[in-house]
Amino acid sequence: MKILNIAAYKFVALDRLPELKDAIAQALAARQIKGTVLLAEEGINLFLAADSAAIHDFLAWLRLDARFQDLDVKQSWSAAQPFGKLLVKIKPEIIRMNHPAIQPSAGRAPAVNAATLRRWLDQGHDDDGRPVAMLDTRNTYEVDAGTFHRAIDWRLEKFTEFPQAVLDHRDALAGKTVVSFCTGGIRCEKAAIYLREAGIEHVYQLDGGILKYFEDCGPAHFDGECFVFDDRRAVDAALKPRVDIGASSDSHAPQAVGSLPA
């Protein structure tokens, strides 16, 4: 395992996006790093891979910008480069929800860390005795690769369907502690804010998503693997890839290599 894969995002107000895009693209290309970076006025979202030295050098460069000093990065390893190219794009949102009023940079919903969530799932309730409802905010094909035991799955085809699904199923969440989760944290962060605004009283986002949960807690309470948007297709609870991409680059993922979830 010689290739370091990183996933990171941060909701933070960004300006002069074309200049930032060019600077990041040049910094990545100079270090022969591949993957995808999305930029929007609301923040940054990235999935990248290269040898460890190149990745850490890029992160040191990026964190020279005060807006990215505390960028939280999830790491995993693969035997070969899982991305076919480098893409740096400017988008209206770093994860599309089509609800401009949802602004995580203005204040997050409460988060629960992996260790606390595992304890809640072990004991069958949160610390106040409420039942815990795990709410998967990902798309159908991601859920089908693996999810938490008895997680709520609304069969979303894309994240923009999430707000209407909340309105359709809101009553079923009443009286429960709802924990929204996704791959790395970005969708469940927006989801948790929307849930609270929709009147769900006890809502948390899983801090760092499934990838951070795997890193801290392994496979406990999780069935299957975590879908990822590159040639690895999915990673198991040890963050090891399903596919030996060093032996085969064939992929049946629903989206092109280098893309991020809709």
C-alpha atoms as a PDB file:
ATOM      1  CA  MET A   1       0.000   0.000   0.000  1.00  0.00           C
ATOM      2  CA  LYS A   2       2.059   2.915  -1.270  1.00  0.00           C
ATOM      3  CA  ILE A   3      -0.588   5.438  -2.359  1.00  0.00           C
ATOM      4  CA  LEU A   4      -2.101   7.718   0.279  1.00  0.00           C
ATOM      5  CA  ASN A   5      -5.763   8.590  -0.317  1.00  0.00           C
ATOM      6  CA  ILE A   6      -7.256  11.574   1.483  1.00  0.00           C
ATOM      7  CA  ALA A   7     -10.780  12.898   1.839  1.00  0.00           C
ATOM      8  CA  ALA A   8     -11.498  16.301   3.361  1.00  0.00           C
ATOM      9  CA  TYR A   9     -13.952  19.145   3.302  1.00  0.00           C
ATOM     10  CA  LYS A  10     -14.561  22.399   5.095  1.00  0.00           C
ATOM     11  CA  PHE A  11     -17.468  24.793   5.024  1.00  0.00           C
ATOM     12  CA  VAL A  12     -15.832  28.205   5.034  1.00  0.00           C
ATOM     13  CA  ALA A  13     -16.540  31.437   3.148  1.00  0.00           C
ATOM     14  CA  LEU A  14     -14.344  31.611   0.058  1.00  0.00           C
ATOM     15  CA  ASP A  15     -13.872  34.405  -2.462  1.00  0.00           C
ATOM     16  CA  ARG A  16     -11.800  34.977  -5.622  1.00  0.00           C
ATOM     17  CA  LEU A  17     -12.569  31.418  -6.625  1.00  0.00           C
ATOM     18  CA  PRO A  18     -10.930  31.456 -10.099  1.00  0.00           C
ATOM     19  CA  GLU A  19      -7.610  32.514  -8.569  1.00  0.00           C
ATOM     20  CA  LEU A  20      -7.904  29.904  -5.823  1.00  0.00           C
ATOM     21  CA  LYS A  21      -8.784  27.229  -8.378  1.00  0.00           C
ATOM     22  CA  ASP A  22      -5.717  28.000 -10.496  1.00  0.00           C
ATOM     23  CA  ALA A  23      -3.398  28.031  -7.487  1.00  0.00           C
ATOM     24  CA  ILE A  24      -4.674  24.693  -6.181  1.00  0.00           C
ATOM     25  CA  ALA A  25      -4.578  23.083  -9.630  1.00  0.00           C
ATOM     26  CA  GLN A  26      -0.977  24.180 -10.136  1.00  0.00           C
ATOM     27  CA  ALA A  27       0.062  22.991  -6.666  1.00  0.00           C
ATOM     28  CA  LEU A  28      -1.500  19.568  -7.253  1.00  0.00           C
ATOM     29  CA  ALA A  29      -0.139  19.133 -10.771  1.00  0.00           C
ATOM     30  CA  ALA A  30       3.371  20.058  -9.641  1.00  0.00           C
ATOM     31  CA  ARG A  31       3.193  17.234  -7.071  1.00  0.00           C
ATOM     32  CA  GLN A  32       1.618  14.723  -9.494  1.00  0.00           C
ATOM     33  CA  ILE A  33      -1.488  14.377  -7.322  1.00  0.00           C
ATOM     34  CA  LYS A  34      -4.729  13.138  -8.893  1.00  0.00           C
ATOM     35  CA  GLY A  35      -8.335  13.306  -7.766  1.00  0.00           C
ATOM     36  CA  THR A  36     -11.044  15.932  -7.461  1.00  0.00           C
ATOM     37  CA  VAL A  37     -11.297  19.289  -5.712  1.00  0.00           C
ATOM     38  CA  LEU A  38     -14.576  21.198  -5.642  1.00  0.00           C
ATOM     39  CA  LEU A  39     -14.648  24.860  -4.676  1.00  0.00           C
ATOM     40  CA  ALA A  40     -17.660  27.053  -3.958  1.00  0.00           C
ATOM     41  CA  GLU A  41     -18.384  30.203  -2.010  1.00  0.00           C
ATOM     42  CA  GLU A  42     -19.439  27.878   0.841  1.00  0.00           C
ATOM     43  CA  GLY A  43     -16.135  25.949   1.053  1.00  0.00           C
ATOM     44  CA  ILE A  44     -13.897  23.170  -0.282  1.00  0.00           C
ATOM     45  CA  ASN A  45     -14.389  19.430  -0.850  1.00  0.00           C
ATOM     46  CA  LEU A  46     -11.597  17.124  -1.980  1.00  0.00           C
ATOM     47  CA  PHE A  47     -10.645  13.510  -2.666  1.00  0.00           C
ATOM     48  CA  LEU A  48      -6.987  13.117  -3.669  1.00  0.00           C
ATOM     49  CA  ALA A  49      -4.315  10.437  -3.978  1.00  0.00           C
ATOM     50  CA  ALA A  50      -0.541  10.261  -4.515  1.00  0.00           C
ATOM     51  CA  ASP A  51       2.541   9.110  -2.652  1.00  0.00           C
ATOM     52  CA  SER A  52       2.587  10.153   0.988  1.00  0.00           C
ATOM     53  CA  ALA A  53       5.297  12.808   0.653  1.00  0.00           C
ATOM     54  CA  ALA A  54       3.439  14.600  -2.137  1.00  0.00           C
ATOM     55  CA  ILE A  55       0.136  14.578  -0.227  1.00  0.00           C
ATOM     56  CA  HIS A  56       1.663  15.909   2.991  1.00  0.00           C
ATOM     57  CA  ASP A  57       3.596  18.566   1.091  1.00  0.00           C
ATOM     58  CA  PHE A  58       0.395  19.725  -0.604  1.00  0.00           C
ATOM     59  CA  LEU A  59      -1.504  19.820   2.705  1.00  0.00           C
ATOM     60  CA  ALA A  60       1.277  21.878   4.276  1.00  0.00           C
ATOM     61  CA  TRP A  61       1.025  24.303   1.344  1.00  0.00           C
ATOM     62  CA  LEU A  62      -2.795  24.462   1.520  1.00  0.00           C
ATOM     63  CA  ARG A  63      -2.776  25.100   5.268  1.00  0.00           C
ATOM     64  CA  LEU A  64      -0.663  28.212   4.762  1.00  0.00           C
ATOM     65  CA  ASP A  65      -4.043  29.735   3.871  1.00  0.00           C
ATOM     66  CA  ALA A  66      -5.639  30.559   7.239  1.00  0.00           C
ATOM     67  CA  ARG A  67      -9.040  29.407   5.946  1.00  0.00           C
ATOM     68  CA  PHE A  68      -7.736  25.835   5.674  1.00  0.00           C
ATOM     69  CA  GLN A  69      -5.467  25.630   8.729  1.00  0.00           C
ATOM     70  CA  ASP A  70      -7.798  23.269  10.587  1.00  0.00           C
ATOM     71  CA  LEU A  71      -8.801  21.147   7.579  1.00  0.00           C
ATOM     72  CA  ASP A  72      -9.654  17.686   8.940  1.00  0.00           C
ATOM     73  CA  VAL A  73      -8.342  14.899   6.704  1.00  0.00           C
ATOM     74  CA  LYS A  74      -9.371  11.214   6.552  1.00  0.00           C
ATOM     75  CA  GLN A  75      -6.658   8.861   5.259  1.00  0.00           C
ATOM     76  CA  SER A  76      -6.551   5.416   3.665  1.00  0.00           C
ATOM     77  CA  TRP A  77      -4.091   3.502   1.491  1.00  0.00           C
ATOM     78  CA  SER A  78      -4.110   1.657  -1.836  1.00  0.00           C
ATOM     79  CA  ALA A  79      -1.560  -0.257  -3.876  1.00  0.00           C
ATOM     80  CA  ALA A  80      -1.978   1.952  -6.941  1.00  0.00           C
ATOM     81  CA  GLN A  81      -3.391   5.325  -7.990  1.00  0.00           C
ATOM     82  CA  PRO A  82      -7.210   5.071  -7.843  1.00  0.00           C
ATOM     83  CA  PHE A  83      -7.896   8.258  -9.830  1.00  0.00           C
ATOM     84  CA  GLY A  84      -7.497   8.598 -13.574  1.00  0.00           C
ATOM     85  CA  LYS A  85      -6.985  12.350 -13.663  1.00  0.00           C
ATOM     86  CA  LEU A  86      -6.971  15.617 -11.737  1.00  0.00           C
ATOM     87  CA  LEU A  87     -10.078  17.817 -11.668  1.00  0.00           C
ATOM     88  CA  VAL A  88     -10.384  21.169  -9.906  1.00  0.00           C
ATOM     89  CA  LYS A  89     -13.822  22.735 -10.374  1.00  0.00           C
ATOM     90  CA  ILE A  90     -15.848  25.708  -9.208  1.00  0.00           C
ATOM     91  CA  LYS A  91     -19.428  24.778  -8.296  1.00  0.00           C
ATOM     92  CA  PRO A  92     -22.462  26.573  -6.812  1.00  0.00           C
ATOM     93  CA  GLU A  93     -22.221  24.174  -3.816  1.00  0.00           C
ATOM     94  CA  ILE A  94     -19.513  21.739  -2.704  1.00  0.00           C
ATOM     95  CA  ILE A  95     -22.324  19.261  -2.100  1.00  0.00           C
ATOM     96  CA  ARG A  96     -25.524  20.111  -3.928  1.00  0.00           C
ATOM     97  CA  MET A  97     -28.692  20.358  -1.863  1.00  0.00           C
ATOM     98  CA  ASN A  98     -30.492  23.253  -3.597  1.00  0.00           C
ATOM     99  CA  HIS A  99     -31.302  24.915  -0.274  1.00  0.00           C
ATOM    100  CA  PRO A 100     -29.269  28.155  -0.133  1.00  0.00           C
ATOM    101  CA  ALA A 101     -30.490  28.882   3.399  1.00  0.00           C
ATOM    102  CA  ILE A 102     -28.517  25.880   4.699  1.00  0.00           C
ATOM    103  CA  GLN A 103     -25.154  27.456   5.521  1.00  0.00           C
ATOM    104  CA  PRO A 104     -22.908  25.190   7.647  1.00  0.00           C
ATOM    105  CA  SER A 105     -20.196  27.856   7.773  1.00  0.00           C
ATOM    106  CA  ALA A 106     -22.610  29.952   9.864  1.00  0.00           C
ATOM    107  CA  GLY A 107     -22.965  27.224  12.478  1.00  0.00           C
ATOM    108  CA  ARG A 108     -22.932  23.429  12.575  1.00  0.00           C
ATOM    109  CA  ALA A 109     -25.542  21.121  13.981  1.00  0.00           C
ATOM    110  CA  PRO A 110     -24.274  19.133  17.004  1.00  0.00           C
ATOM    111  CA  ALA A 111     -21.936  16.282  16.121  1.00  0.00           C
ATOM    112  CA  VAL A 112     -21.374  12.909  17.750  1.00  0.00           C
ATOM    113  CA  ASN A 113     -17.951  11.291  17.514  1.00  0.00           C
ATOM    114  CA  ALA A 114     -17.418   7.683  16.505  1.00  0.00           C
ATOM    115  CA  ALA A 115     -16.629   6.364  19.986  1.00  0.00           C
ATOM    116  CA  THR A 116     -19.751   7.904  21.518  1.00  0.00           C
ATOM    117  CA  LEU A 117     -21.934   6.636  18.692  1.00  0.00           C
ATOM    118  CA  ARG A 118     -20.586   3.120  19.125  1.00  0.00           C
ATOM    119  CA  ARG A 119     -21.365   3.277  22.839  1.00  0.00           C
ATOM    120  CA  TRP A 120     -24.913   4.414  22.083  1.00  0.00           C
ATOM    121  CA  LEU A 121     -25.365   1.575  19.598  1.00  0.00           C
ATOM    122  CA  ASP A 122     -23.859  -0.927  22.048  1.00  0.00           C
ATOM    123  CA  GLN A 123     -26.303   0.064  24.787  1.00  0.00           C
ATOM    124  CA  GLY A 124     -29.280   0.488  22.447  1.00  0.00           C
ATOM    125  CA  HIS A 125     -30.034   4.133  23.285  1.00  0.00           C
ATOM    126  CA  ASP A 126     -28.361   7.506  23.779  1.00  0.00           C
ATOM    127  CA  ASP A 127     -27.287   8.848  27.169  1.00  0.00           C
ATOM    128  CA  ASP A 128     -30.790  10.203  27.815  1.00  0.00           C
ATOM    129  CA  GLY A 129     -32.443   6.867  27.089  1.00  0.00           C
ATOM    130  CA  ARG A 130     -33.839   7.771  23.672  1.00  0.00           C
ATOM    131  CA  PRO A 131     -33.696   5.216  20.844  1.00  0.00           C
ATOM    132  CA  VAL A 132     -31.079   6.062  18.206  1.00  0.00           C
ATOM    133  CA  ALA A 133     -32.147   6.251  14.545  1.00  0.00           C
ATOM    134  CA  MET A 134     -29.253   6.012  12.096  1.00  0.00           C
ATOM    135  CA  LEU A 135     -30.180   8.003   8.985  1.00  0.00           C
ATOM    136  CA  ASP A 136     -28.208   7.252   5.811  1.00  0.00           C
ATOM    137  CA  THR A 137     -28.022  10.404   3.666  1.00  0.00           C
ATOM    138  CA  ARG A 138     -26.244   8.731   0.734  1.00  0.00           C
ATOM    139  CA  ASN A 139     -27.480   7.567  -2.655  1.00  0.00           C
ATOM    140  CA  THR A 140     -28.999   4.114  -3.190  1.00  0.00           C
ATOM    141  CA  TYR A 141     -25.956   2.461  -4.785  1.00  0.00           C
ATOM    142  CA  GLU A 142     -23.756   3.661  -1.916  1.00  0.00           C
ATOM    143  CA  VAL A 143     -26.152   2.290   0.691  1.00  0.00           C
ATOM    144  CA  ASP A 144     -26.263  -1.032  -1.155  1.00  0.00           C
ATOM    145  CA  ALA A 145     -22.492  -1.442  -0.686  1.00  0.00           C
ATOM    146  CA  GLY A 146     -22.881  -1.204   3.088  1.00  0.00           C
ATOM    147  CA  THR A 147     -24.503   0.732   5.906  1.00  0.00           C
ATOM    148  CA  PHE A 148     -25.138   0.664   9.664  1.00  0.00           C
ATOM    149  CA  HIS A 149     -27.362  -2.043  11.136  1.00  0.00           C
ATOM    150  CA  ARG A 150     -31.033  -1.119  10.681  1.00  0.00           C
ATOM    151  CA  ALA A 151     -30.169   2.295   9.240  1.00  0.00           C
ATOM    152  CA  ILE A 152     -32.990   4.328   7.716  1.00  0.00           C
ATOM    153  CA  ASP A 153     -32.624   4.299   3.921  1.00  0.00           C
ATOM    154  CA  TRP A 154     -34.969   6.517   1.912  1.00  0.00           C
ATOM    155  CA  ARG A 155     -33.671   5.190  -1.428  1.00  0.00           C
ATOM    156  CA  LEU A 156     -32.325   8.567  -2.529  1.00  0.00           C
ATOM    157  CA  GLU A 157     -31.159   8.831  -6.125  1.00  0.00           C
ATOM    158  CA  LYS A 158     -29.405  12.121  -5.367  1.00  0.00           C
ATOM    159  CA  PHE A 159     -28.881  14.346  -2.356  1.00  0.00           C
ATOM    160  CA  THR A 160     -31.247  17.036  -3.645  1.00  0.00           C
ATOM    161  CA  GLU A 161     -34.090  14.587  -2.845  1.00  0.00           C
ATOM    162  CA  PHE A 162     -33.199  14.597   0.850  1.00  0.00           C
ATOM    163  CA  PRO A 163     -35.231  17.679   1.953  1.00  0.00           C
ATOM    164  CA  GLN A 164     -38.492  16.320   0.527  1.00  0.00           C
ATOM    165  CA  ALA A 165     -37.773  12.896   2.029  1.00  0.00           C
ATOM    166  CA  VAL A 166     -37.449  14.545   5.456  1.00  0.00           C
ATOM    167  CA  LEU A 167     -40.837  16.195   5.055  1.00  0.00           C
ATOM    168  CA  ASP A 168     -42.383  12.893   3.921  1.00  0.00           C
ATOM    169  CA  HIS A 169     -40.966  10.893   6.866  1.00  0.00           C
ATOM    170  CA  ARG A 170     -40.648  13.502   9.612  1.00  0.00           C
ATOM    171  CA  ASP A 171     -43.256  11.970  11.913  1.00  0.00           C
ATOM    172  CA  ALA A 172     -41.391   8.632  12.012  1.00  0.00           C
ATOM    173  CA  LEU A 173     -38.362  10.388  13.527  1.00  0.00           C
ATOM    174  CA  ALA A 174     -40.237  11.997  16.418  1.00  0.00           C
ATOM    175  CA  GLY A 175     -39.007  11.074  19.885  1.00  0.00           C
ATOM    176  CA  LYS A 176     -35.755   9.567  18.609  1.00  0.00           C
ATOM    177  CA  THR A 177     -32.177  10.738  18.561  1.00  0.00           C
ATOM    178  CA  VAL A 178     -31.401  10.965  14.850  1.00  0.00           C
ATOM    179  CA  VAL A 179     -27.789  10.548  13.706  1.00  0.00           C
ATOM    180  CA  SER A 180     -27.247  11.514  10.065  1.00  0.00           C
ATOM    181  CA  PHE A 181     -24.252   9.920   8.369  1.00  0.00           C
ATOM    182  CA  CYS A 182     -22.498   9.738   5.007  1.00  0.00           C
ATOM    183  CA  THR A 183     -19.080   8.841   3.590  1.00  0.00           C
ATOM    184  CA  GLY A 184     -16.875  11.574   5.011  1.00  0.00           C
ATOM    185  CA  GLY A 185     -19.225  13.979   6.768  1.00  0.00           C
ATOM    186  CA  ILE A 186     -20.127  16.603   4.188  1.00  0.00           C
ATOM    187  CA  ARG A 187     -23.661  15.489   3.292  1.00  0.00           C
ATOM    188  CA  CYS A 188     -24.655  14.592   6.844  1.00  0.00           C
ATOM    189  CA  GLU A 189     -23.498  18.047   7.991  1.00  0.00           C
ATOM    190  CA  LYS A 190     -25.974  19.775   5.689  1.00  0.00           C
ATOM    191  CA  ALA A 191     -28.555  17.079   6.426  1.00  0.00           C
ATOM    192  CA  ALA A 192     -28.384  17.603  10.187  1.00  0.00           C
ATOM    193  CA  ILE A 193     -28.951  21.347   9.826  1.00  0.00           C
ATOM    194  CA  TYR A 194     -31.965  20.733   7.585  1.00  0.00           C
ATOM    195  CA  LEU A 195     -33.403  18.155   9.994  1.00  0.00           C
ATOM    196  CA  ARG A 196     -33.218  20.622  12.865  1.00  0.00           C
ATOM    197  CA  GLU A 197     -34.846  23.354  10.779  1.00  0.00           C
ATOM    198  CA  ALA A 198     -37.580  20.863   9.854  1.00  0.00           C
ATOM    199  CA  GLY A 199     -38.431  20.495  13.547  1.00  0.00           C
ATOM    200  CA  ILE A 200     -36.585  17.289  14.482  1.00  0.00           C
ATOM    201  CA  GLU A 201     -35.526  18.029  18.040  1.00  0.00           C
ATOM    202  CA  HIS A 202     -32.676  15.596  18.744  1.00  0.00           C
ATOM    203  CA  VAL A 203     -30.299  15.535  15.767  1.00  0.00           C
ATOM    204  CA  TYR A 204     -26.585  14.818  15.462  1.00  0.00           C
ATOM    205  CA  GLN A 205     -24.228  14.406  12.533  1.00  0.00           C
ATOM    206  CA  LEU A 206     -21.635  11.635  12.625  1.00  0.00           C
ATOM    207  CA  ASP A 207     -18.387  13.586  12.828  1.00  0.00           C
ATOM    208  CA  GLY A 208     -16.091  12.513   9.990  1.00  0.00           C
ATOM    209  CA  GLY A 209     -18.650  10.159   8.495  1.00  0.00           C
ATOM    210  CA  ILE A 210     -18.228   6.433   7.914  1.00  0.00           C
ATOM    211  CA  LEU A 211     -14.535   6.760   7.074  1.00  0.00           C
ATOM    212  CA  LYS A 212     -13.747   8.268  10.482  1.00  0.00           C
ATOM    213  CA  TYR A 213     -15.981   5.699  12.193  1.00  0.00           C
ATOM    214  CA  PHE A 214     -14.052   2.883  10.498  1.00  0.00           C
ATOM    215  CA  GLU A 215     -10.774   4.485  11.565  1.00  0.00           C
ATOM    216  CA  ASP A 216     -11.830   4.706  15.227  1.00  0.00           C
ATOM    217  CA  CYS A 217     -14.278   1.820  15.701  1.00  0.00           C
ATOM    218  CA  GLY A 218     -13.772  -0.693  12.901  1.00  0.00           C
ATOM    219  CA  PRO A 219     -16.773  -2.748  11.744  1.00  0.00           C
ATOM    220  CA  ALA A 220     -18.912  -2.524  14.901  1.00  0.00           C
ATOM    221  CA  HIS A 221     -22.608  -2.159  13.993  1.00  0.00           C
ATOM    222  CA  PHE A 222     -21.804  -1.803  10.271  1.00  0.00           C
ATOM    223  CA  ASP A 223     -22.761  -4.247   7.512  1.00  0.00           C
ATOM    224  CA  GLY A 224     -20.654  -4.377   4.343  1.00  0.00           C
ATOM    225  CA  GLU A 225     -18.271  -1.765   2.974  1.00  0.00           C
ATOM    226  CA  CYS A 226     -18.178   1.973   2.353  1.00  0.00           C
ATOM    227  CA  PHE A 227     -18.594   2.992  -1.289  1.00  0.00           C
ATOM    228  CA  VAL A 228     -15.935   5.437  -2.508  1.00  0.00           C
ATOM    229  CA  PHE A 229     -15.846   7.469  -5.712  1.00  0.00           C
ATOM    230  CA  ASP A 230     -12.713   6.083  -7.331  1.00  0.00           C
ATOM    231  CA  ASP A 231     -11.343   2.837  -8.767  1.00  0.00           C
ATOM    232  CA  ARG A 232     -11.251   1.178  -5.354  1.00  0.00           C
ATOM    233  CA  ARG A 233     -15.084   1.068  -5.532  1.00  0.00           C
ATOM    234  CA  ALA A 234     -15.351   0.535  -1.762  1.00  0.00           C
ATOM    235  CA  VAL A 235     -13.244   0.164   1.374  1.00  0.00           C
ATOM    236  CA  ASP A 236     -13.790  -2.250   4.237  1.00  0.00           C
ATOM    237  CA  ALA A 237     -13.744  -1.414   7.931  1.00  0.00           C
ATOM    238  CA  ALA A 238      -9.935  -1.660   7.920  1.00  0.00           C
ATOM    239  CA  LEU A 239      -9.981   0.992   5.141  1.00  0.00           C
ATOM    240  CA  LYS A 240      -8.627  -1.554   2.665  1.00  0.00           C
ATOM    241  CA  PRO A 241      -9.945  -1.428  -0.922  1.00  0.00           C
ATOM    242  CA  ARG A 242     -12.358  -3.976  -2.320  1.00  0.00           C
ATOM    243  CA  VAL A 243     -10.551  -3.995  -5.678  1.00  0.00           C
ATOM    244  CA  ASP A 244      -6.831  -4.599  -6.229  1.00  0.00           C
ATOM    245  CA  ILE A 245      -6.421  -1.637  -8.538  1.00  0.00           C
ATOM    246  CA  GLY A 246      -2.792  -2.538  -9.029  1.00  0.00           C
ATOM    247  CA  ALA A 247      -4.004  -5.632 -10.866  1.00  0.00           C
ATOM    248  CA  SER A 248      -7.107  -4.278 -12.579  1.00  0.00           C
ATOM    249  CA  SER A 249      -8.470  -0.829 -13.362  1.00  0.00           C
ATOM    250  CA  ASP A 250     -11.878  -2.084 -14.461  1.00  0.00           C
ATOM    251  CA  SER A 251     -14.620  -0.292 -12.563  1.00  0.00           C
ATOM    252  CA  HIS A 252     -18.392  -0.660 -12.442  1.00  0.00           C
ATOM    253  CA  ALA A 253     -18.954   2.374 -10.274  1.00  0.00           C
ATOM    254  CA  PRO A 254     -22.054   4.363 -11.298  1.00  0.00           C
ATOM    255  CA  GLN A 255     -20.043   7.580 -11.663  1.00  0.00           C
ATOM    256  CA  ALA A 256     -16.850   8.325 -13.530  1.00  0.00           C
ATOM    257  CA  VAL A 257     -13.519   8.078 -11.724  1.00  0.00           C
ATOM    258  CA  GLY A 258     -12.707  11.383 -10.099  1.00  0.00           C
ATOM    259  CA  SER A 259     -16.341  12.431  -9.611  1.00  0.00           C
ATOM    260  CA  LEU A 260     -18.003  13.111  -6.289  1.00  0.00           C
ATOM    261  CA  PRO A 261     -21.522  12.255  -5.115  1.00  0.00           C
ATOM    262  CA  ALA A 262     -24.536  14.161  -6.423  1.00  0.00           C
END
